PDB file of N, CA and C in Angstrom:
ATOM      1  N   MET A   1     -89.899  44.355  17.901  1.00  0.00           N
ATOM      2  CA  MET A   1     -89.924  43.140  18.068  1.00  0.00           C
ATOM      3  C   MET A   1     -90.685  42.584  17.204  1.00  0.00           C
ATOM      4  N   SER A   2     -90.159  41.223  16.531  1.00  0.00           N
ATOM      5  CA  SER A   2     -90.950  40.628  15.626  1.00  0.00           C
ATOM      6  C   SER A   2     -92.209  39.601  15.983  1.00  0.00           C
ATOM      7  N   GLU A   3     -93.059  39.515  15.421  1.00  0.00           N
ATOM      8  CA  GLU A   3     -94.210  38.364  16.065  1.00  0.00           C
ATOM      9  C   GLU A   3     -93.655  37.436  16.193  1.00  0.00           C
ATOM     10  N   ALA A   4     -92.659  36.696  15.504  1.00  0.00           N
ATOM     11  CA  ALA A   4     -92.116  35.440  15.336  1.00  0.00           C
ATOM     12  C   ALA A   4     -91.251  35.284  16.364  1.00  0.00           C
ATOM     13  N   TYR A   5     -90.395  36.153  17.313  1.00  0.00           N
ATOM     14  CA  TYR A   5     -89.421  36.199  18.521  1.00  0.00           C
ATOM     15  C   TYR A   5     -90.629  36.484  19.644  1.00  0.00           C
ATOM     16  N   LEU A   6     -91.311  37.021  19.598  1.00  0.00           N
ATOM     17  CA  LEU A   6     -92.642  37.355  20.784  1.00  0.00           C
ATOM     18  C   LEU A   6     -93.711  36.021  21.273  1.00  0.00           C
ATOM     19  N   ASN A   7     -93.433  35.213  19.932  1.00  0.00           N
ATOM     20  CA  ASN A   7     -94.624  33.659  20.067  1.00  0.00           C
ATOM     21  C   ASN A   7     -92.998  32.761  20.095  1.00  0.00           C
ATOM     22  N   ARG A   8     -91.959  32.722  19.907  1.00  0.00           N
ATOM     23  CA  ARG A   8     -90.744  31.798  20.860  1.00  0.00           C
ATOM     24  C   ARG A   8     -90.592  32.069  22.362  1.00  0.00           C
ATOM     25  N   ILE A   9     -90.442  33.443  22.540  1.00  0.00           N
ATOM     26  CA  ILE A   9     -90.645  33.676  24.485  1.00  0.00           C
ATOM     27  C   ILE A   9     -92.047  33.295  24.871  1.00  0.00           C
ATOM     28  N   SER A  10     -93.721  33.687  24.095  1.00  0.00           N
ATOM     29  CA  SER A  10     -94.575  32.888  25.372  1.00  0.00           C
ATOM     30  C   SER A  10     -94.167  31.310  24.784  1.00  0.00           C
ATOM     31  N   ASP A  11     -93.758  30.348  23.562  1.00  0.00           N
ATOM     32  CA  ASP A  11     -94.250  29.076  23.655  1.00  0.00           C
ATOM     33  C   ASP A  11     -92.932  28.654  24.316  1.00  0.00           C
ATOM     34  N   ALA A  12     -91.927  29.299  24.535  1.00  0.00           N
ATOM     35  CA  ALA A  12     -91.224  28.516  25.642  1.00  0.00           C
ATOM     36  C   ALA A  12     -91.148  28.985  26.968  1.00  0.00           C
ATOM     37  N   LEU A  13     -92.111  30.041  27.386  1.00  0.00           N
ATOM     38  CA  LEU A  13     -92.725  30.613  28.553  1.00  0.00           C
ATOM     39  C   LEU A  13     -94.015  29.548  28.997  1.00  0.00           C
ATOM     40  N   LYS A  14     -94.200  28.924  28.359  1.00  0.00           N
ATOM     41  CA  LYS A  14     -95.617  27.931  28.426  1.00  0.00           C
ATOM     42  C   LYS A  14     -94.894  26.339  28.540  1.00  0.00           C
ATOM     43  N   LYS A  15     -94.349  26.157  27.932  1.00  0.00           N
ATOM     44  CA  LYS A  15     -93.595  24.508  28.281  1.00  0.00           C
ATOM     45  C   LYS A  15     -93.047  24.764  29.131  1.00  0.00           C
ATOM     46  N   LEU A  16     -91.891  25.931  30.142  1.00  0.00           N
ATOM     47  CA  LEU A  16     -91.155  26.375  31.284  1.00  0.00           C
ATOM     48  C   LEU A  16     -93.079  26.083  32.734  1.00  0.00           C
ATOM     49  N   PHE A  17     -94.242  26.619  32.240  1.00  0.00           N
ATOM     50  CA  PHE A  17     -95.163  26.349  32.704  1.00  0.00           C
ATOM     51  C   PHE A  17     -95.981  25.210  32.910  1.00  0.00           C
ATOM     52  N   ASP A  18     -96.093  24.438  31.852  1.00  0.00           N
ATOM     53  CA  ASP A  18     -96.257  23.053  32.186  1.00  0.00           C
ATOM     54  C   ASP A  18     -95.329  21.962  32.987  1.00  0.00           C
ATOM     55  N   ARG A  19     -94.191  22.496  32.959  1.00  0.00           N
ATOM     56  CA  ARG A  19     -93.043  21.990  34.483  1.00  0.00           C
ATOM     57  C   ARG A  19     -93.112  22.257  35.472  1.00  0.00           C
ATOM     58  N   HIS A  20     -93.425  23.559  35.242  1.00  0.00           N
ATOM     59  CA  HIS A  20     -92.794  24.434  37.314  1.00  0.00           C
ATOM     60  C   HIS A  20     -94.094  25.122  37.360  1.00  0.00           C
ATOM     61  N   ARG A  21     -94.471  24.756  38.270  1.00  0.00           N
ATOM     62  CA  ARG A  21     -95.928  25.943  38.839  1.00  0.00           C
ATOM     63  C   ARG A  21     -95.324  27.757  39.332  1.00  0.00           C
ATOM     64  N   ILE A  22     -93.914  27.399  39.008  1.00  0.00           N
ATOM     65  CA  ILE A  22     -93.109  29.361  39.183  1.00  0.00           C
ATOM     66  C   ILE A  22     -92.010  29.594  38.672  1.00  0.00           C
ATOM     67  N   VAL A  23     -92.161  30.865  37.844  1.00  0.00           N
ATOM     68  CA  VAL A  23     -91.038  30.946  36.362  1.00  0.00           C
ATOM     69  C   VAL A  23     -90.340  32.047  36.865  1.00  0.00           C
ATOM     70  N   PHE A  24     -89.459  32.057  37.295  1.00  0.00           N
ATOM     71  CA  PHE A  24     -88.812  33.655  37.695  1.00  0.00           C
ATOM     72  C   PHE A  24     -88.649  34.484  36.306  1.00  0.00           C
ATOM     73  N   TRP A  25     -88.535  35.633  36.098  1.00  0.00           N
ATOM     74  CA  TRP A  25     -88.110  35.846  34.274  1.00  0.00           C
ATOM     75  C   TRP A  25     -87.391  36.951  35.540  1.00  0.00           C
ATOM     76  N   TYR A  26     -85.866  36.943  34.490  1.00  0.00           N
ATOM     77  CA  TYR A  26     -85.131  37.856  35.662  1.00  0.00           C
ATOM     78  C   TYR A  26     -84.308  38.679  34.302  1.00  0.00           C
ATOM     79  N   ASP A  27     -84.455  40.114  34.624  1.00  0.00           N
ATOM     80  CA  ASP A  27     -83.984  41.043  33.361  1.00  0.00           C
ATOM     81  C   ASP A  27     -83.473  42.766  34.690  1.00  0.00           C
ATOM     82  N   GLU A  28     -82.338  42.723  34.783  1.00  0.00           N
ATOM     83  CA  GLU A  28     -82.036  43.324  35.981  1.00  0.00           C
ATOM     84  C   GLU A  28     -82.149  44.974  34.847  1.00  0.00           C
ATOM     85  N   ASP A  29     -81.517  45.135  33.882  1.00  0.00           N
ATOM     86  CA  ASP A  29     -81.527  46.162  33.472  1.00  0.00           C
ATOM     87  C   ASP A  29     -82.804  46.784  32.439  1.00  0.00           C
ATOM     88  N   ALA A  30     -84.046  45.312  32.731  1.00  0.00           N
ATOM     89  CA  ALA A  30     -85.202  46.163  32.234  1.00  0.00           C
ATOM     90  C   ALA A  30     -85.731  45.933  31.083  1.00  0.00           C
ATOM     91  N   THR A  31     -84.785  45.736  30.377  1.00  0.00           N
ATOM     92  CA  THR A  31     -84.164  45.553  28.634  1.00  0.00           C
ATOM     93  C   THR A  31     -85.893  44.856  27.507  1.00  0.00           C
ATOM     94  N   MET A  32     -86.448  43.704  28.536  1.00  0.00           N
ATOM     95  CA  MET A  32     -87.614  43.179  27.412  1.00  0.00           C
ATOM     96  C   MET A  32     -88.429  43.804  28.862  1.00  0.00           C
ATOM     97  N   TYR A  33     -88.752  44.137  29.553  1.00  0.00           N
ATOM     98  CA  TYR A  33     -90.325  44.994  30.564  1.00  0.00           C
ATOM     99  C   TYR A  33     -90.971  45.004  29.633  1.00  0.00           C
ATOM    100  N   ASP A  34     -90.866  45.755  28.153  1.00  0.00           N
ATOM    101  CA  ASP A  34     -92.170  45.518  27.253  1.00  0.00           C
ATOM    102  C   ASP A  34     -92.992  44.166  26.443  1.00  0.00           C
ATOM    103  N   ILE A  35     -92.047  42.816  27.076  1.00  0.00           N
ATOM    104  CA  ILE A  35     -92.109  42.250  26.577  1.00  0.00           C
ATOM    105  C   ILE A  35     -93.223  41.357  27.563  1.00  0.00           C
ATOM    106  N   PHE A  36     -92.831  41.258  28.462  1.00  0.00           N
ATOM    107  CA  PHE A  36     -93.226  40.967  29.974  1.00  0.00           C
ATOM    108  C   PHE A  36     -94.867  41.312  29.705  1.00  0.00           C
ATOM    109  N   HIS A  37     -94.602  42.946  29.204  1.00  0.00           N
ATOM    110  CA  HIS A  37     -96.016  43.374  30.235  1.00  0.00           C
ATOM    111  C   HIS A  37     -96.442  42.589  29.185  1.00  0.00           C
ATOM    112  N   SER A  38     -96.291  42.385  27.942  1.00  0.00           N
ATOM    113  CA  SER A  38     -97.261  42.591  26.714  1.00  0.00           C
ATOM    114  C   SER A  38     -97.733  40.520  27.231  1.00  0.00           C
ATOM    115  N   LEU A  39     -97.401  40.051  27.725  1.00  0.00           N
ATOM    116  CA  LEU A  39     -97.014  38.235  27.004  1.00  0.00           C
ATOM    117  C   LEU A  39     -98.557  38.301  28.026  1.00  0.00           C
ATOM    118  N   ASP A  40     -99.700  37.461  26.938  1.00  0.00           N
ATOM    119  CA  ASP A  40    -100.874  37.509  28.352  1.00  0.00           C
ATOM    120  C   ASP A  40    -101.097  36.034  28.143  1.00  0.00           C
ATOM    121  N   LEU A  41    -100.672  35.245  29.660  1.00  0.00           N
ATOM    122  CA  LEU A  41    -100.310  33.731  29.353  1.00  0.00           C
ATOM    123  C   LEU A  41    -101.702  33.493  30.021  1.00  0.00           C
ATOM    124  N   GLU A  42    -102.644  32.022  29.646  1.00  0.00           N
ATOM    125  CA  GLU A  42    -103.596  31.538  30.236  1.00  0.00           C
ATOM    126  C   GLU A  42    -102.563  30.414  31.128  1.00  0.00           C
ATOM    127  N   GLY A  43    -104.291  31.069  32.777  1.00  0.00           N
ATOM    128  CA  GLY A  43    -103.795  31.059  33.673  1.00  0.00           C
ATOM    129  C   GLY A  43    -102.642  31.330  34.444  1.00  0.00           C
ATOM    130  N   VAL A  44    -101.855  32.055  33.788  1.00  0.00           N
ATOM    131  CA  VAL A  44    -100.373  32.679  34.767  1.00  0.00           C
ATOM    132  C   VAL A  44    -100.651  34.018  35.221  1.00  0.00           C
ATOM    133  N   ASN A  45    -100.309  34.288  37.175  1.00  0.00           N
ATOM    134  CA  ASN A  45    -100.117  35.164  37.010  1.00  0.00           C
ATOM    135  C   ASN A  45     -99.336  35.824  36.884  1.00  0.00           C
ATOM    136  N   LYS A  46     -98.490  36.809  36.861  1.00  0.00           N
ATOM    137  CA  LYS A  46     -97.582  37.537  36.659  1.00  0.00           C
ATOM    138  C   LYS A  46     -97.315  38.671  37.743  1.00  0.00           C
ATOM    139  N   LEU A  47     -95.920  38.716  38.561  1.00  0.00           N
ATOM    140  CA  LEU A  47     -95.909  39.322  39.742  1.00  0.00           C
ATOM    141  C   LEU A  47     -94.615  40.378  39.940  1.00  0.00           C
ATOM    142  N   LYS A  48     -94.181  41.417  40.032  1.00  0.00           N
ATOM    143  CA  LYS A  48     -93.223  42.295  39.984  1.00  0.00           C
ATOM    144  C   LYS A  48     -92.863  42.278  41.072  1.00  0.00           C
ATOM    145  N   GLN A  49     -91.566  41.655  41.063  1.00  0.00           N
ATOM    146  CA  GLN A  49     -91.111  42.275  42.410  1.00  0.00           C
ATOM    147  C   GLN A  49     -89.958  43.370  43.044  1.00  0.00           C
ATOM    148  N   LYS A  50     -90.879  44.181  43.448  1.00  0.00           N
ATOM    149  CA  LYS A  50     -89.712  45.164  43.593  1.00  0.00           C
ATOM    150  C   LYS A  50     -89.017  45.541  45.391  1.00  0.00           C
ATOM    151  N   ARG A  51     -88.070  45.942  45.397  1.00  0.00           N
ATOM    152  CA  ARG A  51     -87.616  45.582  46.924  1.00  0.00           C
ATOM    153  C   ARG A  51     -87.373  44.226  47.510  1.00  0.00           C
ATOM    154  N   ALA A  52     -88.366  44.168  48.451  1.00  0.00           N
ATOM    155  CA  ALA A  52     -88.365  42.825  48.951  1.00  0.00           C
ATOM    156  C   ALA A  52     -89.325  42.342  49.167  1.00  0.00           C
ATOM    157  N   HIS A  53     -90.496  43.074  48.079  1.00  0.00           N
ATOM    158  CA  HIS A  53     -91.290  41.953  47.998  1.00  0.00           C
ATOM    159  C   HIS A  53     -92.345  41.658  46.990  1.00  0.00           C
ATOM    160  N   LEU A  54     -93.720  41.411  46.792  1.00  0.00           N
ATOM    161  CA  LEU A  54     -93.886  40.434  45.044  1.00  0.00           C
ATOM    162  C   LEU A  54     -95.088  42.257  44.949  1.00  0.00           C
ATOM    163  N   ASP A  55     -94.813  42.645  44.624  1.00  0.00           N
ATOM    164  CA  ASP A  55     -96.544  43.130  43.473  1.00  0.00           C
ATOM    165  C   ASP A  55     -96.733  42.904  43.038  1.00  0.00           C
ATOM    166  N   GLU A  56     -98.152  42.112  42.483  1.00  0.00           N
ATOM    167  CA  GLU A  56     -99.495  41.843  41.597  1.00  0.00           C
ATOM    168  C   GLU A  56     -99.168  42.866  40.880  1.00  0.00           C
ATOM    169  N   LEU A  57     -99.248  42.399  39.274  1.00  0.00           N
ATOM    170  CA  LEU A  57     -99.156  43.739  38.239  1.00  0.00           C
ATOM    171  C   LEU A  57    -100.981  43.965  37.936  1.00  0.00           C
TER     172      LEU A  57
END
């Protein structure tokens, strides 16, 4: 993944969090898991859903 692509994703998520308290990242095939895991957004807690509950990363 290029740095510019990662920055675009990060910027888009920051804008979403400015407007919404909760944002869902849905990636059924886990093709973008590495990107999700590498993102470090200030003030954002990432949770990973397994089965019927949420696990904090």
